[in-house]
Amino acid sequence: MTLETRKLTPRIGTEISASKEQLLRGGLREEIRELLEQRGVLLFRELNLTDEEQYEFAMTLGDVIDQGFKGIYKITLDPTLNETADYLHATVHWHVDGAQDMVPTRASLLTARVLSKVGGQTEFANTYAAYDDLPSAKKSQVDSLRVIHSQEYIQRAMHPNPTEEQLARWRQHPEQSHPMAWTHRSGRKSLLLGLTAGRIEGMSDADGRKVIEEMQAWATQPQFVYRHEWAVGDLIIWDNTGVMHRVEAYPADSGRLLSRTTLVGEEPIA
């Protein structure tokens, strides 16, 4: 089957027109995964999958992380619906899920259930395209750099004066050293950045911070970014190994709610 598609922007994002029945039938794994790697973000407008259908569809694409209730993690700032809601406040900053791990998650599927009247849009940045467009001299520099990633860096952006309890929770995940340019098994490279990136090995904190901020600004230029204005029922899949994302700030009491299903990581950062 050949999917009906439309590019959302020249460098990132493709809209797919398909019915629930077509997706749940299976058999589209390779076509969807190839398109996801090439385009970074796939949009299915107002598909209105139930949580059970979303999980079923995700299982046709890869192994699903056992997270939340039956593979569905609720994206909400309401702590009565998500006991780790306080972590989600930091998602207003650019990040790669699990960048502080050795093997980040492969991809995530996200369906909008309830929207905020203010904010809540999601932006995605194609870090494959950002690397590809670097000048040769800058590629050589980036290829030689290793960056320290930690949950603490992104959380401190929201909680600059953390409690001992918060610090203890953040530090349950040890910091990791990763190359700034992730060389994938395919041979392609993507930039590994986001606010989990705190310092560069072999540089002073100030010099390392300057380089990280320079590359972050490069990778989030408009030509590499797709901004999604959600409608209830929209499903988005993004390639977590080649895309950064962030949400635009929205009120904690807005009721905003999305269902996320995440595919198990398949490739260590190298």
C-alpha atoms as a PDB file:
ATOM      1  CA  MET A   1       0.000   0.000   0.000  1.00  0.00           C
ATOM      2  CA  THR A   2       1.258   3.484  -0.852  1.00  0.00           C
ATOM      3  CA  LEU A   3       0.220   6.073   1.725  1.00  0.00           C
ATOM      4  CA  GLU A   4      -1.317   9.368   0.653  1.00  0.00           C
ATOM      5  CA  THR A   5       1.006  12.058   2.012  1.00  0.00           C
ATOM      6  CA  ARG A   6       1.573  15.822   2.032  1.00  0.00           C
ATOM      7  CA  LYS A   7       4.641  17.661   3.285  1.00  0.00           C
ATOM      8  CA  LEU A   8       3.931  20.054   6.159  1.00  0.00           C
ATOM      9  CA  THR A   9       7.164  22.008   5.600  1.00  0.00           C
ATOM     10  CA  PRO A  10      10.076  21.426   3.198  1.00  0.00           C
ATOM     11  CA  ARG A  11      12.449  20.043   5.876  1.00  0.00           C
ATOM     12  CA  ILE A  12      10.235  18.433   8.518  1.00  0.00           C
ATOM     13  CA  GLY A  13       6.790  16.943   8.875  1.00  0.00           C
ATOM     14  CA  THR A  14       4.454  14.922   6.664  1.00  0.00           C
ATOM     15  CA  GLU A  15       0.697  14.605   6.907  1.00  0.00           C
ATOM     16  CA  ILE A  16      -0.697  11.149   6.180  1.00  0.00           C
ATOM     17  CA  SER A  17      -4.274  10.561   5.073  1.00  0.00           C
ATOM     18  CA  ALA A  18      -5.350   7.131   6.282  1.00  0.00           C
ATOM     19  CA  SER A  19      -8.300   5.598   8.080  1.00  0.00           C
ATOM     20  CA  LYS A  20      -8.262   3.837  11.422  1.00  0.00           C
ATOM     21  CA  GLU A  21      -8.981   0.600   9.654  1.00  0.00           C
ATOM     22  CA  GLN A  22      -5.966   0.936   7.359  1.00  0.00           C
ATOM     23  CA  LEU A  23      -3.625   1.644  10.270  1.00  0.00           C
ATOM     24  CA  LEU A  24      -4.958  -1.008  12.634  1.00  0.00           C
ATOM     25  CA  ARG A  25      -4.872  -3.651   9.924  1.00  0.00           C
ATOM     26  CA  GLY A  26      -1.068  -3.560  10.135  1.00  0.00           C
ATOM     27  CA  GLY A  27       1.316  -4.125   7.265  1.00  0.00           C
ATOM     28  CA  LEU A  28       2.446  -0.473   7.167  1.00  0.00           C
ATOM     29  CA  ARG A  29       5.366  -0.824   9.580  1.00  0.00           C
ATOM     30  CA  GLU A  30       8.218  -0.379   7.097  1.00  0.00           C
ATOM     31  CA  GLU A  31       6.528   2.357   5.068  1.00  0.00           C
ATOM     32  CA  ILE A  32       5.678   4.424   8.140  1.00  0.00           C
ATOM     33  CA  ARG A  33       9.043   3.896   9.845  1.00  0.00           C
ATOM     34  CA  GLU A  34      10.960   4.896   6.697  1.00  0.00           C
ATOM     35  CA  LEU A  35       8.856   8.028   6.288  1.00  0.00           C
ATOM     36  CA  LEU A  36       9.291   8.826   9.979  1.00  0.00           C
ATOM     37  CA  GLU A  37      13.087   8.668   9.731  1.00  0.00           C
ATOM     38  CA  GLN A  38      13.143  10.828   6.610  1.00  0.00           C
ATOM     39  CA  ARG A  39      10.597  13.445   7.740  1.00  0.00           C
ATOM     40  CA  GLY A  40      10.847  13.367  11.553  1.00  0.00           C
ATOM     41  CA  VAL A  41       7.155  14.021  12.268  1.00  0.00           C
ATOM     42  CA  LEU A  42       4.028  12.317  10.926  1.00  0.00           C
ATOM     43  CA  LEU A  43       0.565  13.825  11.372  1.00  0.00           C
ATOM     44  CA  PHE A  44      -2.794  12.064  11.156  1.00  0.00           C
ATOM     45  CA  ARG A  45      -5.436  14.806  11.482  1.00  0.00           C
ATOM     46  CA  GLU A  46      -8.437  14.133  13.731  1.00  0.00           C
ATOM     47  CA  LEU A  47      -7.912  10.387  13.539  1.00  0.00           C
ATOM     48  CA  ASN A  48      -9.582  10.011  16.950  1.00  0.00           C
ATOM     49  CA  LEU A  49      -7.971   6.762  17.992  1.00  0.00           C
ATOM     50  CA  THR A  50      -9.076   5.527  21.403  1.00  0.00           C
ATOM     51  CA  ASP A  51      -6.307   4.727  23.897  1.00  0.00           C
ATOM     52  CA  GLU A  52      -6.741   1.035  23.113  1.00  0.00           C
ATOM     53  CA  GLU A  53      -6.531   1.661  19.350  1.00  0.00           C
ATOM     54  CA  GLN A  54      -3.482   3.885  19.775  1.00  0.00           C
ATOM     55  CA  TYR A  55      -1.708   1.142  21.706  1.00  0.00           C
ATOM     56  CA  GLU A  56      -2.706  -1.423  19.073  1.00  0.00           C
ATOM     57  CA  PHE A  57      -1.404   0.798  16.264  1.00  0.00           C
ATOM     58  CA  ALA A  58       1.841   1.457  18.127  1.00  0.00           C
ATOM     59  CA  MET A  59       2.401  -2.284  18.475  1.00  0.00           C
ATOM     60  CA  THR A  60       2.409  -2.586  14.681  1.00  0.00           C
ATOM     61  CA  LEU A  61       5.377  -0.171  14.554  1.00  0.00           C
ATOM     62  CA  GLY A  62       7.626  -1.536  17.322  1.00  0.00           C
ATOM     63  CA  ASP A  63       7.807  -2.669  20.931  1.00  0.00           C
ATOM     64  CA  VAL A  64       5.911  -0.427  23.354  1.00  0.00           C
ATOM     65  CA  ILE A  65       7.236   0.768  26.715  1.00  0.00           C
ATOM     66  CA  ASP A  66       5.154  -0.411  29.653  1.00  0.00           C
ATOM     67  CA  GLN A  67       4.343   3.046  30.956  1.00  0.00           C
ATOM     68  CA  GLY A  68       1.242   4.619  32.451  1.00  0.00           C
ATOM     69  CA  PHE A  69      -1.936   2.532  32.218  1.00  0.00           C
ATOM     70  CA  LYS A  70      -1.724  -0.231  29.628  1.00  0.00           C
ATOM     71  CA  GLY A  71       0.979   1.570  27.659  1.00  0.00           C
ATOM     72  CA  ILE A  72      -0.744   4.976  27.723  1.00  0.00           C
ATOM     73  CA  TYR A  73       0.995   7.800  29.594  1.00  0.00           C
ATOM     74  CA  LYS A  74      -1.201  10.823  30.274  1.00  0.00           C
ATOM     75  CA  ILE A  75       0.381  14.144  29.330  1.00  0.00           C
ATOM     76  CA  THR A  76      -1.196  16.551  31.808  1.00  0.00           C
ATOM     77  CA  LEU A  77      -0.121  19.000  34.488  1.00  0.00           C
ATOM     78  CA  ASP A  78      -2.867  17.709  36.759  1.00  0.00           C
ATOM     79  CA  PRO A  79      -1.121  15.670  39.500  1.00  0.00           C
ATOM     80  CA  THR A  80      -4.354  13.763  40.200  1.00  0.00           C
ATOM     81  CA  LEU A  81      -4.120  12.255  36.708  1.00  0.00           C
ATOM     82  CA  ASN A  82      -0.322  11.945  36.489  1.00  0.00           C
ATOM     83  CA  GLU A  83       1.803  11.524  39.598  1.00  0.00           C
ATOM     84  CA  THR A  84       4.904  12.711  37.709  1.00  0.00           C
ATOM     85  CA  ALA A  85       3.175  15.838  36.357  1.00  0.00           C
ATOM     86  CA  ASP A  86       5.766  18.118  37.971  1.00  0.00           C
ATOM     87  CA  TYR A  87       8.396  16.797  35.512  1.00  0.00           C
ATOM     88  CA  LEU A  88       6.273  17.952  32.583  1.00  0.00           C
ATOM     89  CA  HIS A  89       6.576  21.642  33.435  1.00  0.00           C
ATOM     90  CA  ALA A  90      10.106  21.506  31.977  1.00  0.00           C
ATOM     91  CA  THR A  91       8.854  20.317  28.585  1.00  0.00           C
ATOM     92  CA  VAL A  92       8.432  23.961  27.540  1.00  0.00           C
ATOM     93  CA  HIS A  93      12.170  23.700  26.761  1.00  0.00           C
ATOM     94  CA  TRP A  94      13.638  21.914  23.755  1.00  0.00           C
ATOM     95  CA  HIS A  95      14.575  18.336  24.597  1.00  0.00           C
ATOM     96  CA  VAL A  96      14.998  14.782  23.372  1.00  0.00           C
ATOM     97  CA  ASP A  97      13.207  12.230  25.535  1.00  0.00           C
ATOM     98  CA  GLY A  98      15.778  10.119  27.362  1.00  0.00           C
ATOM     99  CA  ALA A  99      18.806  12.059  26.080  1.00  0.00           C
ATOM    100  CA  GLN A 100      20.402  11.297  29.446  1.00  0.00           C
ATOM    101  CA  ASP A 101      20.069   7.541  28.701  1.00  0.00           C
ATOM    102  CA  MET A 102      22.350   5.313  26.656  1.00  0.00           C
ATOM    103  CA  VAL A 103      19.449   4.199  24.422  1.00  0.00           C
ATOM    104  CA  PRO A 104      16.748   6.884  24.015  1.00  0.00           C
ATOM    105  CA  THR A 105      13.236   5.875  23.062  1.00  0.00           C
ATOM    106  CA  ARG A 106      12.655   5.242  19.365  1.00  0.00           C
ATOM    107  CA  ALA A 107       9.524   7.310  18.812  1.00  0.00           C
ATOM    108  CA  SER A 108       6.325   8.481  20.480  1.00  0.00           C
ATOM    109  CA  LEU A 109       2.694   8.608  19.412  1.00  0.00           C
ATOM    110  CA  LEU A 110       0.612  11.445  20.853  1.00  0.00           C
ATOM    111  CA  THR A 111      -3.149  11.967  20.582  1.00  0.00           C
ATOM    112  CA  ALA A 112      -4.893  15.151  21.720  1.00  0.00           C
ATOM    113  CA  ARG A 113      -7.848  14.591  24.066  1.00  0.00           C
ATOM    114  CA  VAL A 114      -8.476  17.994  25.747  1.00  0.00           C
ATOM    115  CA  LEU A 115      -6.872  21.260  24.651  1.00  0.00           C
ATOM    116  CA  SER A 116      -5.942  24.432  26.489  1.00  0.00           C
ATOM    117  CA  LYS A 117      -7.560  27.679  25.366  1.00  0.00           C
ATOM    118  CA  VAL A 118      -4.136  29.323  25.699  1.00  0.00           C
ATOM    119  CA  GLY A 119      -0.843  27.775  24.574  1.00  0.00           C
ATOM    120  CA  GLY A 120      -0.246  24.035  24.308  1.00  0.00           C
ATOM    121  CA  GLN A 121       1.029  24.020  20.718  1.00  0.00           C
ATOM    122  CA  THR A 122       3.953  21.648  20.122  1.00  0.00           C
ATOM    123  CA  GLU A 123       7.105  22.417  18.146  1.00  0.00           C
ATOM    124  CA  PHE A 124       9.432  19.857  16.594  1.00  0.00           C
ATOM    125  CA  ALA A 125      12.964  20.456  15.240  1.00  0.00           C
ATOM    126  CA  ASN A 126      14.614  18.116  12.718  1.00  0.00           C
ATOM    127  CA  THR A 127      18.141  17.500  14.013  1.00  0.00           C
ATOM    128  CA  TYR A 128      19.116  15.385  11.000  1.00  0.00           C
ATOM    129  CA  ALA A 129      18.438  18.345   8.709  1.00  0.00           C
ATOM    130  CA  ALA A 130      20.185  20.708  11.130  1.00  0.00           C
ATOM    131  CA  TYR A 131      23.355  18.593  11.003  1.00  0.00           C
ATOM    132  CA  ASP A 132      23.179  18.172   7.219  1.00  0.00           C
ATOM    133  CA  ASP A 133      23.078  21.947   6.696  1.00  0.00           C
ATOM    134  CA  LEU A 134      26.075  22.748   8.884  1.00  0.00           C
ATOM    135  CA  PRO A 135      29.110  24.199   7.079  1.00  0.00           C
ATOM    136  CA  SER A 136      31.919  21.644   6.709  1.00  0.00           C
ATOM    137  CA  ALA A 137      34.165  23.332   9.273  1.00  0.00           C
ATOM    138  CA  LYS A 138      31.371  23.375  11.833  1.00  0.00           C
ATOM    139  CA  LYS A 139      30.620  19.694  11.172  1.00  0.00           C
ATOM    140  CA  SER A 140      34.262  18.873  11.917  1.00  0.00           C
ATOM    141  CA  GLN A 141      34.046  20.771  15.205  1.00  0.00           C
ATOM    142  CA  VAL A 142      30.751  19.184  16.235  1.00  0.00           C
ATOM    143  CA  ASP A 143      31.993  15.693  15.327  1.00  0.00           C
ATOM    144  CA  SER A 144      34.763  16.045  17.910  1.00  0.00           C
ATOM    145  CA  LEU A 145      32.599  17.172  20.846  1.00  0.00           C
ATOM    146  CA  ARG A 146      31.130  15.177  23.701  1.00  0.00           C
ATOM    147  CA  VAL A 147      28.344  16.661  25.798  1.00  0.00           C
ATOM    148  CA  ILE A 148      27.242  15.850  29.339  1.00  0.00           C
ATOM    149  CA  HIS A 149      23.475  15.319  29.570  1.00  0.00           C
ATOM    150  CA  SER A 150      21.507  15.233  32.793  1.00  0.00           C
ATOM    151  CA  GLN A 151      17.877  15.419  33.930  1.00  0.00           C
ATOM    152  CA  GLU A 152      19.047  17.953  36.488  1.00  0.00           C
ATOM    153  CA  TYR A 153      19.955  20.560  33.857  1.00  0.00           C
ATOM    154  CA  ILE A 154      16.475  20.750  32.336  1.00  0.00           C
ATOM    155  CA  GLN A 155      14.675  20.536  35.679  1.00  0.00           C
ATOM    156  CA  ARG A 156      16.753  23.357  37.202  1.00  0.00           C
ATOM    157  CA  ALA A 157      15.507  25.601  34.395  1.00  0.00           C
ATOM    158  CA  MET A 158      12.057  25.356  35.979  1.00  0.00           C
ATOM    159  CA  HIS A 159      13.123  24.857  39.609  1.00  0.00           C
ATOM    160  CA  PRO A 160      16.267  26.977  40.183  1.00  0.00           C
ATOM    161  CA  ASN A 161      16.105  26.444  43.946  1.00  0.00           C
ATOM    162  CA  PRO A 162      15.253  22.751  44.246  1.00  0.00           C
ATOM    163  CA  THR A 163      14.482  20.941  47.457  1.00  0.00           C
ATOM    164  CA  GLU A 164      16.639  18.046  48.606  1.00  0.00           C
ATOM    165  CA  GLU A 165      13.825  15.708  47.605  1.00  0.00           C
ATOM    166  CA  GLN A 166      13.746  17.121  44.070  1.00  0.00           C
ATOM    167  CA  LEU A 167      17.518  16.851  43.725  1.00  0.00           C
ATOM    168  CA  ALA A 168      17.434  13.256  44.908  1.00  0.00           C
ATOM    169  CA  ARG A 169      14.780  12.368  42.310  1.00  0.00           C
ATOM    170  CA  TRP A 170      16.622  14.101  39.478  1.00  0.00           C
ATOM    171  CA  ARG A 171      19.879  12.417  40.402  1.00  0.00           C
ATOM    172  CA  GLN A 172      18.360   8.961  40.292  1.00  0.00           C
ATOM    173  CA  HIS A 173      19.270   9.171  36.620  1.00  0.00           C
ATOM    174  CA  PRO A 174      23.070   9.490  36.359  1.00  0.00           C
ATOM    175  CA  GLU A 175      24.475  11.978  33.889  1.00  0.00           C
ATOM    176  CA  GLN A 176      25.750  10.640  30.580  1.00  0.00           C
ATOM    177  CA  SER A 177      28.439  11.685  28.120  1.00  0.00           C
ATOM    178  CA  HIS A 178      27.262  11.609  24.499  1.00  0.00           C
ATOM    179  CA  PRO A 179      28.653  12.833  21.165  1.00  0.00           C
ATOM    180  CA  MET A 180      27.050  16.046  19.992  1.00  0.00           C
ATOM    181  CA  ALA A 181      26.688  14.423  16.581  1.00  0.00           C
ATOM    182  CA  TRP A 182      24.939  11.057  16.856  1.00  0.00           C
ATOM    183  CA  THR A 183      26.186   8.728  14.108  1.00  0.00           C
ATOM    184  CA  HIS A 184      23.307   6.366  13.405  1.00  0.00           C
ATOM    185  CA  ARG A 185      23.512   2.820  12.100  1.00  0.00           C
ATOM    186  CA  SER A 186      22.182   4.151   8.805  1.00  0.00           C
ATOM    187  CA  GLY A 187      25.310   6.318   8.476  1.00  0.00           C
ATOM    188  CA  ARG A 188      23.310   9.531   8.855  1.00  0.00           C
ATOM    189  CA  LYS A 189      24.064  11.971  11.663  1.00  0.00           C
ATOM    190  CA  SER A 190      21.798  14.055  13.865  1.00  0.00           C
ATOM    191  CA  LEU A 191      22.572  16.687  16.490  1.00  0.00           C
ATOM    192  CA  LEU A 192      21.917  15.603  20.074  1.00  0.00           C
ATOM    193  CA  LEU A 193      21.070  18.730  22.020  1.00  0.00           C
ATOM    194  CA  GLY A 194      18.211  20.087  24.158  1.00  0.00           C
ATOM    195  CA  LEU A 195      18.203  21.465  27.670  1.00  0.00           C
ATOM    196  CA  THR A 196      19.500  18.206  29.153  1.00  0.00           C
ATOM    197  CA  ALA A 197      22.832  19.230  27.558  1.00  0.00           C
ATOM    198  CA  GLY A 198      24.794  21.030  30.261  1.00  0.00           C
ATOM    199  CA  ARG A 199      28.501  21.114  29.518  1.00  0.00           C
ATOM    200  CA  ILE A 200      31.129  19.915  27.032  1.00  0.00           C
ATOM    201  CA  GLU A 201      33.999  17.644  27.979  1.00  0.00           C
ATOM    202  CA  GLY A 202      37.375  19.384  27.872  1.00  0.00           C
ATOM    203  CA  MET A 203      35.908  22.903  27.924  1.00  0.00           C
ATOM    204  CA  SER A 204      35.272  25.348  30.713  1.00  0.00           C
ATOM    205  CA  ASP A 205      31.635  25.569  31.731  1.00  0.00           C
ATOM    206  CA  ALA A 206      31.356  29.033  30.142  1.00  0.00           C
ATOM    207  CA  ASP A 207      32.939  28.034  26.823  1.00  0.00           C
ATOM    208  CA  GLY A 208      30.968  24.806  26.649  1.00  0.00           C
ATOM    209  CA  ARG A 209      27.725  26.635  27.398  1.00  0.00           C
ATOM    210  CA  LYS A 210      28.449  29.095  24.587  1.00  0.00           C
ATOM    211  CA  VAL A 211      28.934  26.304  22.047  1.00  0.00           C
ATOM    212  CA  ILE A 212      25.816  24.426  23.192  1.00  0.00           C
ATOM    213  CA  GLU A 213      23.695  27.575  22.945  1.00  0.00           C
ATOM    214  CA  GLU A 214      25.109  28.375  19.500  1.00  0.00           C
ATOM    215  CA  MET A 215      24.255  24.910  18.195  1.00  0.00           C
ATOM    216  CA  GLN A 216      20.864  24.935  19.883  1.00  0.00           C
ATOM    217  CA  ALA A 217      20.026  28.205  18.133  1.00  0.00           C
ATOM    218  CA  TRP A 218      21.201  26.714  14.820  1.00  0.00           C
ATOM    219  CA  ALA A 219      19.122  23.538  15.174  1.00  0.00           C
ATOM    220  CA  THR A 220      15.914  25.411  16.032  1.00  0.00           C
ATOM    221  CA  GLN A 221      15.927  27.843  13.112  1.00  0.00           C
ATOM    222  CA  PRO A 222      12.534  28.162  11.386  1.00  0.00           C
ATOM    223  CA  GLN A 223      13.521  26.007   8.390  1.00  0.00           C
ATOM    224  CA  PHE A 224      14.077  23.015  10.684  1.00  0.00           C
ATOM    225  CA  VAL A 225      10.941  23.463  12.812  1.00  0.00           C
ATOM    226  CA  TYR A 226       7.323  22.371  12.494  1.00  0.00           C
ATOM    227  CA  ARG A 227       4.821  23.960  14.900  1.00  0.00           C
ATOM    228  CA  HIS A 228       1.609  22.022  15.407  1.00  0.00           C
ATOM    229  CA  GLU A 229      -1.693  23.658  16.288  1.00  0.00           C
ATOM    230  CA  TRP A 230      -3.606  20.763  17.820  1.00  0.00           C
ATOM    231  CA  ALA A 231      -7.187  19.726  17.133  1.00  0.00           C
ATOM    232  CA  VAL A 232      -8.870  17.144  19.334  1.00  0.00           C
ATOM    233  CA  GLY A 233      -8.195  13.681  17.905  1.00  0.00           C
ATOM    234  CA  ASP A 234      -4.979  14.609  16.077  1.00  0.00           C
ATOM    235  CA  LEU A 235      -2.302  11.907  16.228  1.00  0.00           C
ATOM    236  CA  ILE A 236       1.366  12.812  15.833  1.00  0.00           C
ATOM    237  CA  ILE A 237       4.302  10.425  15.711  1.00  0.00           C
ATOM    238  CA  TRP A 238       7.800  11.835  16.058  1.00  0.00           C
ATOM    239  CA  ASP A 239      11.213  10.256  15.638  1.00  0.00           C
ATOM    240  CA  ASN A 240      12.798  10.773  19.051  1.00  0.00           C
ATOM    241  CA  THR A 241      16.251   9.857  17.685  1.00  0.00           C
ATOM    242  CA  GLY A 242      16.312  12.738  15.181  1.00  0.00           C
ATOM    243  CA  VAL A 243      13.872  15.319  16.499  1.00  0.00           C
ATOM    244  CA  MET A 244      13.797  17.703  19.464  1.00  0.00           C
ATOM    245  CA  HIS A 245      10.442  18.929  20.726  1.00  0.00           C
ATOM    246  CA  ARG A 246       8.868  21.345  23.175  1.00  0.00           C
ATOM    247  CA  VAL A 247       5.400  22.549  24.154  1.00  0.00           C
ATOM    248  CA  GLU A 248       4.307  26.164  24.337  1.00  0.00           C
ATOM    249  CA  ALA A 249       3.442  27.115  27.919  1.00  0.00           C
ATOM    250  CA  TYR A 250      -0.159  26.651  29.006  1.00  0.00           C
ATOM    251  CA  PRO A 251      -2.008  27.078  32.327  1.00  0.00           C
ATOM    252  CA  ALA A 252      -1.622  24.163  34.719  1.00  0.00           C
ATOM    253  CA  ASP A 253      -5.358  24.232  35.389  1.00  0.00           C
ATOM    254  CA  SER A 254      -6.330  24.287  31.697  1.00  0.00           C
ATOM    255  CA  GLY A 255      -7.344  20.628  31.640  1.00  0.00           C
ATOM    256  CA  ARG A 256      -5.024  19.966  28.672  1.00  0.00           C
ATOM    257  CA  LEU A 257      -4.694  16.202  28.224  1.00  0.00           C
ATOM    258  CA  LEU A 258      -2.955  14.046  25.627  1.00  0.00           C
ATOM    259  CA  SER A 259      -2.335  10.303  25.431  1.00  0.00           C
ATOM    260  CA  ARG A 260       1.234   9.192  24.710  1.00  0.00           C
ATOM    261  CA  THR A 261       2.489   5.775  23.685  1.00  0.00           C
ATOM    262  CA  THR A 262       6.249   5.317  23.379  1.00  0.00           C
ATOM    263  CA  LEU A 263       8.289   2.832  21.368  1.00  0.00           C
ATOM    264  CA  VAL A 264      11.245   1.116  23.006  1.00  0.00           C
ATOM    265  CA  GLY A 265      14.683   2.439  22.039  1.00  0.00           C
ATOM    266  CA  GLU A 266      16.472   0.368  19.430  1.00  0.00           C
ATOM    267  CA  GLU A 267      19.836   2.074  18.936  1.00  0.00           C
ATOM    268  CA  PRO A 268      22.454   3.254  21.443  1.00  0.00           C
ATOM    269  CA  ILE A 269      23.865   6.735  21.010  1.00  0.00           C
ATOM    270  CA  ALA A 270      27.197   6.543  19.227  1.00  0.00           C
END
